[in-house]
Amino acid sequence: EERGLIVFPSNAQLSLRARGMTPATLRRHLGVLVEAGLILRKDSPNGKRYARRDRAGTVGEAFGFSVAPLLARAVEIENLAAQAVADRELLRAIRERLTLCRRDISKLIATALEEEVSGDWEGLSAMFRTLLARIPRVATADELPPLIHKIELLQAEIDRMLELRIKT
């Protein structure tokens, strides 16, 4: 029964609930929801949203928006939200790994230069800057792992060079 799934708030009430959203913006967002199939319009003859009630106060007929499609897709929406959270968490972990690598390499190169350890530290520093320049400003979880791999290879090379210098 779709009748119970019709909501009929006024634009003023929607604007209030949306923290003062302008009527034009409100109409645009409602249009996007309709176009996405998340809500359906059930228009009254005069285009207003309201409900006809009988003498007992029971809603007989309602005009407004049907949220039945939203209810029908609730599981799908919940799964999409869970996937978005998982993707965001993965990206956070990848960025954290990148930050740690960047910090470690910077410190290793700075220490090697400070301690005047023999080696091409300026060249390694330039290579490091080149790799960092390739990191997109707004990177995705797919773009970062190959770059992190290259940065980790550079870090391994720096570690190897420092270990050789320490042993000699």
N, C-alpha and C. Protein backbone atom coordinates (compact mmCIF):
# COMPACT_ATOMS: atom_id res chain seq x y z
N GLU A 1 0.86 -1.19 0.00
CA GLU A 1 0.00 0.00 0.00
C GLU A 1 0.89 1.24 0.00
N GLU A 2 0.83 2.01 -1.06
CA GLU A 2 1.67 3.18 -1.21
C GLU A 2 1.13 4.40 -0.46
N ARG A 3 -0.13 4.39 -0.11
CA ARG A 3 -0.74 5.58 0.48
C ARG A 3 0.02 6.04 1.73
N GLY A 4 0.45 5.14 2.56
CA GLY A 4 1.18 5.51 3.76
C GLY A 4 2.60 5.99 3.48
N LEU A 5 3.04 5.85 2.24
CA LEU A 5 4.40 6.24 1.88
C LEU A 5 4.44 7.56 1.12
N ILE A 6 3.35 8.32 1.18
CA ILE A 6 3.31 9.63 0.55
C ILE A 6 3.58 10.67 1.63
N VAL A 7 4.56 11.52 1.38
CA VAL A 7 4.84 12.63 2.30
C VAL A 7 4.43 13.92 1.61
N PHE A 8 3.99 14.89 2.39
CA PHE A 8 3.45 16.10 1.77
C PHE A 8 3.88 17.36 2.51
N PRO A 9 5.20 17.53 2.69
CA PRO A 9 5.66 18.74 3.36
C PRO A 9 5.60 19.94 2.41
N SER A 10 5.38 21.11 2.96
CA SER A 10 5.40 22.33 2.15
C SER A 10 6.86 22.69 1.84
N ASN A 11 7.03 23.53 0.83
CA ASN A 11 8.39 23.99 0.51
C ASN A 11 8.98 24.76 1.70
N ALA A 12 8.12 25.51 2.41
CA ALA A 12 8.60 26.27 3.57
C ALA A 12 9.13 25.31 4.65
N GLN A 13 8.41 24.22 4.89
CA GLN A 13 8.84 23.24 5.89
C GLN A 13 10.12 22.54 5.45
N LEU A 14 10.20 22.19 4.17
CA LEU A 14 11.42 21.55 3.65
C LEU A 14 12.61 22.51 3.77
N SER A 15 12.38 23.77 3.43
CA SER A 15 13.44 24.77 3.52
C SER A 15 13.93 24.91 4.96
N LEU A 16 13.00 24.91 5.89
CA LEU A 16 13.35 25.01 7.31
C LEU A 16 14.18 23.81 7.75
N ARG A 17 13.77 22.62 7.34
CA ARG A 17 14.49 21.40 7.71
C ARG A 17 15.86 21.32 7.03
N ALA A 18 15.97 21.98 5.88
CA ALA A 18 17.25 21.98 5.15
C ALA A 18 18.09 23.20 5.51
N ARG A 19 17.85 23.74 6.69
CA ARG A 19 18.62 24.87 7.23
C ARG A 19 18.58 26.09 6.32
N GLY A 20 17.40 26.44 5.86
CA GLY A 20 17.23 27.67 5.11
C GLY A 20 17.56 27.59 3.63
N MET A 21 17.51 26.42 3.05
CA MET A 21 17.78 26.26 1.62
C MET A 21 16.79 27.10 0.82
N THR A 22 17.28 27.78 -0.20
CA THR A 22 16.40 28.63 -1.01
C THR A 22 15.41 27.77 -1.80
N PRO A 23 14.24 28.34 -2.14
CA PRO A 23 13.24 27.56 -2.90
C PRO A 23 13.77 27.01 -4.22
N ALA A 24 14.56 27.80 -4.93
CA ALA A 24 15.10 27.33 -6.22
C ALA A 24 16.02 26.13 -6.02
N THR A 25 16.88 26.20 -5.02
CA THR A 25 17.79 25.09 -4.73
C THR A 25 17.00 23.86 -4.29
N LEU A 26 15.98 24.10 -3.48
CA LEU A 26 15.12 23.02 -3.01
C LEU A 26 14.45 22.31 -4.19
N ARG A 27 13.90 23.08 -5.11
CA ARG A 27 13.25 22.49 -6.30
C ARG A 27 14.25 21.70 -7.13
N ARG A 28 15.45 22.25 -7.26
CA ARG A 28 16.48 21.56 -8.05
C ARG A 28 16.85 20.22 -7.40
N HIS A 29 17.02 20.21 -6.09
CA HIS A 29 17.37 18.96 -5.39
C HIS A 29 16.22 17.96 -5.44
N LEU A 30 15.00 18.43 -5.30
CA LEU A 30 13.86 17.52 -5.41
C LEU A 30 13.80 16.92 -6.81
N GLY A 31 14.08 17.74 -7.82
CA GLY A 31 14.11 17.25 -9.20
C GLY A 31 15.16 16.17 -9.40
N VAL A 32 16.31 16.34 -8.77
CA VAL A 32 17.38 15.34 -8.88
C VAL A 32 16.94 14.03 -8.23
N LEU A 33 16.27 14.12 -7.07
CA LEU A 33 15.79 12.91 -6.40
C LEU A 33 14.74 12.19 -7.25
N VAL A 34 13.86 12.97 -7.89
CA VAL A 34 12.85 12.36 -8.77
C VAL A 34 13.53 11.72 -9.96
N GLU A 35 14.47 12.44 -10.57
CA GLU A 35 15.18 11.93 -11.74
C GLU A 35 15.97 10.66 -11.40
N ALA A 36 16.51 10.60 -10.19
CA ALA A 36 17.27 9.42 -9.76
C ALA A 36 16.35 8.25 -9.40
N GLY A 37 15.06 8.52 -9.35
CA GLY A 37 14.11 7.45 -9.04
C GLY A 37 14.02 7.13 -7.55
N LEU A 38 14.50 8.03 -6.70
CA LEU A 38 14.44 7.79 -5.27
C LEU A 38 13.10 8.21 -4.66
N ILE A 39 12.45 9.17 -5.30
CA ILE A 39 11.10 9.57 -4.90
C ILE A 39 10.28 9.76 -6.17
N LEU A 40 8.96 9.67 -6.02
CA LEU A 40 8.04 9.90 -7.14
C LEU A 40 7.09 11.02 -6.76
N ARG A 41 6.76 11.85 -7.73
CA ARG A 41 5.78 12.90 -7.48
C ARG A 41 4.38 12.33 -7.64
N LYS A 42 3.52 12.67 -6.72
CA LYS A 42 2.09 12.35 -6.86
C LYS A 42 1.39 13.69 -6.74
N ASP A 43 1.16 14.30 -7.90
CA ASP A 43 0.65 15.66 -7.93
C ASP A 43 -0.84 15.74 -7.70
N SER A 44 -1.22 16.80 -7.00
CA SER A 44 -2.64 17.12 -6.83
C SER A 44 -3.07 17.92 -8.06
N PRO A 45 -4.38 18.10 -8.26
CA PRO A 45 -4.84 18.88 -9.42
C PRO A 45 -4.26 20.29 -9.45
N ASN A 46 -4.06 20.90 -8.29
CA ASN A 46 -3.53 22.26 -8.27
C ASN A 46 -2.01 22.32 -8.04
N GLY A 47 -1.35 21.16 -7.99
CA GLY A 47 0.10 21.11 -7.85
C GLY A 47 0.61 21.25 -6.43
N LYS A 48 -0.28 21.33 -5.47
CA LYS A 48 0.15 21.47 -4.07
C LYS A 48 0.29 20.11 -3.41
N ARG A 49 1.03 20.10 -2.31
CA ARG A 49 1.20 18.86 -1.55
C ARG A 49 0.33 18.93 -0.30
N TYR A 50 -0.58 17.96 -0.18
CA TYR A 50 -1.46 17.93 0.99
C TYR A 50 -2.10 16.56 1.09
N ALA A 51 -2.83 16.35 2.17
CA ALA A 51 -3.54 15.09 2.37
C ALA A 51 -5.00 15.40 2.66
N ARG A 52 -5.89 14.61 2.09
CA ARG A 52 -7.32 14.70 2.42
C ARG A 52 -7.58 13.73 3.55
N ARG A 53 -8.21 14.23 4.58
CA ARG A 53 -8.50 13.39 5.74
C ARG A 53 -10.01 13.24 5.89
N ASP A 54 -10.43 12.09 6.41
CA ASP A 54 -11.86 11.89 6.68
C ASP A 54 -12.17 12.48 8.06
N ARG A 55 -13.39 12.35 8.49
CA ARG A 55 -13.82 12.93 9.77
C ARG A 55 -13.03 12.37 10.95
N ALA A 56 -12.56 11.15 10.85
CA ALA A 56 -11.79 10.53 11.93
C ALA A 56 -10.32 10.98 11.92
N GLY A 57 -9.92 11.72 10.89
CA GLY A 57 -8.55 12.20 10.79
C GLY A 57 -7.63 11.27 10.03
N THR A 58 -8.19 10.19 9.50
CA THR A 58 -7.39 9.24 8.73
C THR A 58 -7.14 9.81 7.34
N VAL A 59 -5.93 9.66 6.87
CA VAL A 59 -5.59 10.16 5.53
C VAL A 59 -6.28 9.30 4.50
N GLY A 60 -7.10 9.96 3.67
CA GLY A 60 -7.80 9.25 2.61
C GLY A 60 -6.97 9.24 1.33
N GLU A 61 -6.59 10.43 0.93
CA GLU A 61 -5.77 10.56 -0.28
C GLU A 61 -4.70 11.61 -0.01
N ALA A 62 -3.49 11.31 -0.44
CA ALA A 62 -2.38 12.23 -0.19
C ALA A 62 -1.71 12.59 -1.51
N PHE A 63 -1.28 13.83 -1.59
CA PHE A 63 -0.57 14.33 -2.76
C PHE A 63 0.77 14.88 -2.27
N GLY A 64 1.82 14.49 -2.92
CA GLY A 64 3.16 14.93 -2.52
C GLY A 64 4.21 14.05 -3.16
N PHE A 65 5.04 13.47 -2.34
CA PHE A 65 6.12 12.62 -2.84
C PHE A 65 5.96 11.22 -2.26
N SER A 66 6.07 10.24 -3.14
CA SER A 66 6.06 8.85 -2.67
C SER A 66 7.50 8.45 -2.38
N VAL A 67 7.72 7.94 -1.19
CA VAL A 67 9.05 7.46 -0.83
C VAL A 67 9.15 5.94 -0.99
N ALA A 68 8.16 5.35 -1.67
CA ALA A 68 8.16 3.90 -1.90
C ALA A 68 9.43 3.44 -2.63
N PRO A 69 9.90 4.17 -3.68
CA PRO A 69 11.13 3.72 -4.34
C PRO A 69 12.34 3.74 -3.39
N LEU A 70 12.36 4.71 -2.50
CA LEU A 70 13.44 4.79 -1.52
C LEU A 70 13.42 3.58 -0.60
N LEU A 71 12.24 3.21 -0.16
CA LEU A 71 12.09 2.04 0.70
C LEU A 71 12.48 0.76 -0.06
N ALA A 72 12.08 0.69 -1.33
CA ALA A 72 12.38 -0.51 -2.13
C ALA A 72 13.88 -0.67 -2.35
N ARG A 73 14.61 0.45 -2.38
CA ARG A 73 16.05 0.40 -2.64
C ARG A 73 16.88 0.55 -1.36
N ALA A 74 16.25 0.42 -0.21
CA ALA A 74 16.95 0.65 1.06
C ALA A 74 18.18 -0.25 1.22
N VAL A 75 18.05 -1.52 0.88
CA VAL A 75 19.18 -2.45 1.03
C VAL A 75 20.31 -2.05 0.08
N GLU A 76 19.95 -1.70 -1.15
CA GLU A 76 20.95 -1.27 -2.13
C GLU A 76 21.68 -0.03 -1.63
N ILE A 77 20.93 0.94 -1.12
CA ILE A 77 21.52 2.18 -0.62
C ILE A 77 22.41 1.90 0.58
N GLU A 78 21.97 1.01 1.45
CA GLU A 78 22.78 0.64 2.62
C GLU A 78 24.09 -0.01 2.19
N ASN A 79 24.03 -0.88 1.18
CA ASN A 79 25.25 -1.52 0.66
C ASN A 79 26.19 -0.51 0.03
N LEU A 80 25.62 0.45 -0.72
CA LEU A 80 26.45 1.49 -1.34
C LEU A 80 27.12 2.35 -0.27
N ALA A 81 26.37 2.66 0.79
CA ALA A 81 26.94 3.46 1.88
C ALA A 81 28.07 2.69 2.57
N ALA A 82 27.87 1.40 2.79
CA ALA A 82 28.91 0.58 3.42
C ALA A 82 30.15 0.52 2.54
N GLN A 83 29.95 0.40 1.22
CA GLN A 83 31.08 0.37 0.29
C GLN A 83 31.81 1.71 0.30
N ALA A 84 31.07 2.81 0.36
CA ALA A 84 31.69 4.13 0.41
C ALA A 84 32.55 4.28 1.66
N VAL A 85 32.05 3.80 2.79
CA VAL A 85 32.82 3.85 4.04
C VAL A 85 34.08 3.00 3.91
N ALA A 86 33.95 1.81 3.35
CA ALA A 86 35.11 0.93 3.18
C ALA A 86 36.14 1.56 2.24
N ASP A 87 35.67 2.17 1.15
CA ASP A 87 36.58 2.83 0.21
C ASP A 87 37.32 3.99 0.88
N ARG A 88 36.58 4.77 1.66
CA ARG A 88 37.18 5.91 2.36
C ARG A 88 38.23 5.42 3.36
N GLU A 89 37.94 4.34 4.06
CA GLU A 89 38.88 3.78 5.04
C GLU A 89 40.13 3.23 4.34
N LEU A 90 39.95 2.58 3.20
CA LEU A 90 41.09 2.08 2.42
C LEU A 90 41.97 3.24 1.97
N LEU A 91 41.36 4.30 1.45
CA LEU A 91 42.12 5.46 0.99
C LEU A 91 42.87 6.10 2.16
N ARG A 92 42.24 6.17 3.33
CA ARG A 92 42.89 6.72 4.51
C ARG A 92 44.13 5.90 4.87
N ALA A 93 44.01 4.58 4.84
CA ALA A 93 45.13 3.70 5.16
C ALA A 93 46.25 3.85 4.14
N ILE A 94 45.90 3.96 2.87
CA ILE A 94 46.91 4.13 1.82
C ILE A 94 47.63 5.46 1.99
N ARG A 95 46.87 6.52 2.25
CA ARG A 95 47.49 7.84 2.45
C ARG A 95 48.40 7.84 3.67
N GLU A 96 47.99 7.13 4.71
CA GLU A 96 48.82 7.04 5.92
C GLU A 96 50.14 6.35 5.59
N ARG A 97 50.07 5.28 4.82
CA ARG A 97 51.28 4.56 4.40
C ARG A 97 52.20 5.47 3.59
N LEU A 98 51.60 6.25 2.69
CA LEU A 98 52.36 7.19 1.88
C LEU A 98 53.03 8.25 2.76
N THR A 99 52.29 8.77 3.71
CA THR A 99 52.84 9.79 4.62
C THR A 99 54.03 9.25 5.40
N LEU A 100 53.90 8.02 5.89
CA LEU A 100 55.00 7.42 6.65
C LEU A 100 56.24 7.24 5.77
N CYS A 101 56.04 6.78 4.54
CA CYS A 101 57.17 6.61 3.61
C CYS A 101 57.84 7.94 3.32
N ARG A 102 57.03 8.95 3.06
CA ARG A 102 57.57 10.28 2.75
C ARG A 102 58.40 10.80 3.92
N ARG A 103 57.85 10.67 5.12
CA ARG A 103 58.54 11.15 6.31
C ARG A 103 59.86 10.41 6.51
N ASP A 104 59.81 9.09 6.39
CA ASP A 104 61.01 8.28 6.61
C ASP A 104 62.10 8.61 5.60
N ILE A 105 61.73 8.71 4.33
CA ILE A 105 62.74 9.00 3.30
C ILE A 105 63.33 10.38 3.52
N SER A 106 62.49 11.35 3.81
CA SER A 106 62.99 12.71 4.06
C SER A 106 64.00 12.72 5.20
N LYS A 107 63.68 12.02 6.28
CA LYS A 107 64.58 11.97 7.43
C LYS A 107 65.87 11.23 7.10
N LEU A 108 65.76 10.13 6.36
CA LEU A 108 66.95 9.36 6.01
C LEU A 108 67.90 10.18 5.14
N ILE A 109 67.35 10.86 4.15
CA ILE A 109 68.20 11.68 3.26
C ILE A 109 68.80 12.84 4.04
N ALA A 110 68.00 13.50 4.86
CA ALA A 110 68.50 14.63 5.65
C ALA A 110 69.62 14.18 6.59
N THR A 111 69.43 13.04 7.22
CA THR A 111 70.45 12.51 8.13
C THR A 111 71.72 12.16 7.37
N ALA A 112 71.58 11.53 6.22
CA ALA A 112 72.75 11.16 5.41
C ALA A 112 73.52 12.40 4.98
N LEU A 113 72.82 13.45 4.58
CA LEU A 113 73.49 14.68 4.18
C LEU A 113 74.15 15.36 5.38
N GLU A 114 73.44 15.37 6.50
CA GLU A 114 73.95 15.99 7.72
C GLU A 114 75.21 15.29 8.23
N GLU A 115 75.19 13.98 8.18
CA GLU A 115 76.32 13.17 8.68
C GLU A 115 77.40 13.00 7.61
N GLU A 116 77.16 13.59 6.45
CA GLU A 116 78.10 13.53 5.33
C GLU A 116 78.46 12.10 4.95
N VAL A 117 77.42 11.26 4.91
CA VAL A 117 77.60 9.88 4.47
C VAL A 117 77.84 9.92 2.97
N SER A 118 78.85 9.19 2.49
CA SER A 118 79.14 9.22 1.06
C SER A 118 78.00 8.57 0.27
N GLY A 119 77.72 9.13 -0.88
CA GLY A 119 76.65 8.62 -1.74
C GLY A 119 76.00 9.77 -2.49
N ASP A 120 75.24 9.43 -3.49
CA ASP A 120 74.57 10.45 -4.31
C ASP A 120 73.24 10.85 -3.66
N TRP A 121 73.31 11.52 -2.53
CA TRP A 121 72.09 11.87 -1.79
C TRP A 121 71.30 12.96 -2.50
N GLU A 122 71.99 13.85 -3.19
CA GLU A 122 71.28 14.90 -3.95
C GLU A 122 70.48 14.26 -5.09
N GLY A 123 71.09 13.28 -5.73
CA GLY A 123 70.39 12.56 -6.81
C GLY A 123 69.19 11.80 -6.29
N LEU A 124 69.37 11.14 -5.15
CA LEU A 124 68.25 10.41 -4.54
C LEU A 124 67.16 11.37 -4.10
N SER A 125 67.57 12.53 -3.60
CA SER A 125 66.60 13.54 -3.18
C SER A 125 65.81 14.05 -4.39
N ALA A 126 66.50 14.25 -5.50
CA ALA A 126 65.82 14.70 -6.73
C ALA A 126 64.86 13.62 -7.23
N MET A 127 65.29 12.37 -7.17
CA MET A 127 64.42 11.26 -7.57
C MET A 127 63.18 11.21 -6.67
N PHE A 128 63.39 11.42 -5.38
CA PHE A 128 62.29 11.43 -4.42
C PHE A 128 61.30 12.55 -4.74
N ARG A 129 61.83 13.74 -5.01
CA ARG A 129 60.95 14.88 -5.36
C ARG A 129 60.18 14.60 -6.65
N THR A 130 60.82 13.95 -7.60
CA THR A 130 60.15 13.60 -8.86
C THR A 130 58.99 12.64 -8.60
N LEU A 131 59.23 11.66 -7.75
CA LEU A 131 58.15 10.72 -7.40
C LEU A 131 57.01 11.44 -6.68
N LEU A 132 57.36 12.34 -5.77
CA LEU A 132 56.33 13.07 -5.03
C LEU A 132 55.51 13.97 -5.96
N ALA A 133 56.16 14.52 -6.97
CA ALA A 133 55.46 15.39 -7.92
C ALA A 133 54.43 14.62 -8.73
N ARG A 134 54.59 13.32 -8.84
CA ARG A 134 53.66 12.49 -9.61
C ARG A 134 52.40 12.13 -8.82
N ILE A 135 52.39 12.43 -7.53
CA ILE A 135 51.20 12.12 -6.72
C ILE A 135 50.11 13.13 -7.07
N PRO A 136 48.96 12.65 -7.52
CA PRO A 136 47.87 13.58 -7.86
C PRO A 136 47.40 14.35 -6.64
N ARG A 137 46.95 15.57 -6.87
CA ARG A 137 46.46 16.41 -5.77
C ARG A 137 45.30 15.73 -5.04
N VAL A 138 44.37 15.18 -5.82
CA VAL A 138 43.25 14.43 -5.25
C VAL A 138 43.39 13.01 -5.80
N ALA A 139 44.10 12.19 -5.06
CA ALA A 139 44.42 10.84 -5.53
C ALA A 139 43.35 9.84 -5.11
N THR A 140 43.18 8.83 -5.93
CA THR A 140 42.23 7.75 -5.61
C THR A 140 43.01 6.55 -5.08
N ALA A 141 42.27 5.61 -4.54
CA ALA A 141 42.88 4.40 -3.98
C ALA A 141 43.53 3.56 -5.08
N ASP A 142 43.13 3.74 -6.33
CA ASP A 142 43.73 2.99 -7.44
C ASP A 142 45.04 3.63 -7.92
N GLU A 143 45.15 4.95 -7.79
CA GLU A 143 46.32 5.66 -8.30
C GLU A 143 47.53 5.57 -7.37
N LEU A 144 47.28 5.52 -6.08
CA LEU A 144 48.38 5.61 -5.11
C LEU A 144 49.26 4.37 -4.97
N PRO A 145 48.72 3.15 -4.93
CA PRO A 145 49.59 1.98 -4.69
C PRO A 145 50.80 1.85 -5.63
N PRO A 146 50.66 2.07 -6.95
CA PRO A 146 51.86 1.96 -7.79
C PRO A 146 52.92 3.01 -7.43
N LEU A 147 52.48 4.22 -7.08
CA LEU A 147 53.43 5.26 -6.68
C LEU A 147 54.08 4.92 -5.34
N ILE A 148 53.28 4.42 -4.42
CA ILE A 148 53.82 4.03 -3.11
C ILE A 148 54.86 2.92 -3.30
N HIS A 149 54.59 1.99 -4.20
CA HIS A 149 55.54 0.90 -4.46
C HIS A 149 56.88 1.48 -4.91
N LYS A 150 56.85 2.44 -5.83
CA LYS A 150 58.09 3.05 -6.31
C LYS A 150 58.80 3.80 -5.18
N ILE A 151 58.03 4.49 -4.35
CA ILE A 151 58.61 5.21 -3.23
C ILE A 151 59.22 4.23 -2.22
N GLU A 152 58.55 3.11 -2.00
CA GLU A 152 59.09 2.09 -1.09
C GLU A 152 60.36 1.46 -1.65
N LEU A 153 60.42 1.30 -2.98
CA LEU A 153 61.66 0.79 -3.59
C LEU A 153 62.80 1.77 -3.36
N LEU A 154 62.51 3.06 -3.50
CA LEU A 154 63.52 4.09 -3.24
C LEU A 154 63.95 4.04 -1.78
N GLN A 155 62.99 3.87 -0.88
CA GLN A 155 63.31 3.78 0.55
C GLN A 155 64.20 2.57 0.82
N ALA A 156 63.90 1.45 0.19
CA ALA A 156 64.72 0.25 0.37
C ALA A 156 66.15 0.49 -0.13
N GLU A 157 66.27 1.20 -1.25
CA GLU A 157 67.60 1.52 -1.80
C GLU A 157 68.37 2.42 -0.84
N ILE A 158 67.70 3.41 -0.28
CA ILE A 158 68.34 4.31 0.69
C ILE A 158 68.77 3.53 1.93
N ASP A 159 67.89 2.66 2.42
CA ASP A 159 68.22 1.82 3.58
C ASP A 159 69.45 0.96 3.29
N ARG A 160 69.47 0.37 2.09
CA ARG A 160 70.59 -0.49 1.69
C ARG A 160 71.90 0.32 1.66
N MET A 161 71.83 1.52 1.08
CA MET A 161 73.03 2.35 1.00
C MET A 161 73.54 2.74 2.39
N LEU A 162 72.62 3.08 3.28
CA LEU A 162 73.02 3.45 4.63
C LEU A 162 73.61 2.26 5.39
N GLU A 163 73.02 1.10 5.22
CA GLU A 163 73.54 -0.10 5.89
C GLU A 163 74.94 -0.44 5.40
N LEU A 164 75.17 -0.28 4.09
CA LEU A 164 76.51 -0.53 3.54
C LEU A 164 77.52 0.44 4.13
N ARG A 165 77.14 1.71 4.27
CA ARG A 165 78.05 2.72 4.81
C ARG A 165 78.34 2.47 6.29
N ILE A 166 77.33 2.00 7.00
CA ILE A 166 77.50 1.73 8.43
C ILE A 166 78.43 0.54 8.63
N LYS A 167 78.30 -0.48 7.79
CA LYS A 167 79.12 -1.69 7.91
C LYS A 167 80.57 -1.45 7.51
N THR A 168 80.80 -0.41 6.70
CA THR A 168 82.19 -0.17 6.24
C THR A 168 82.89 0.88 7.07
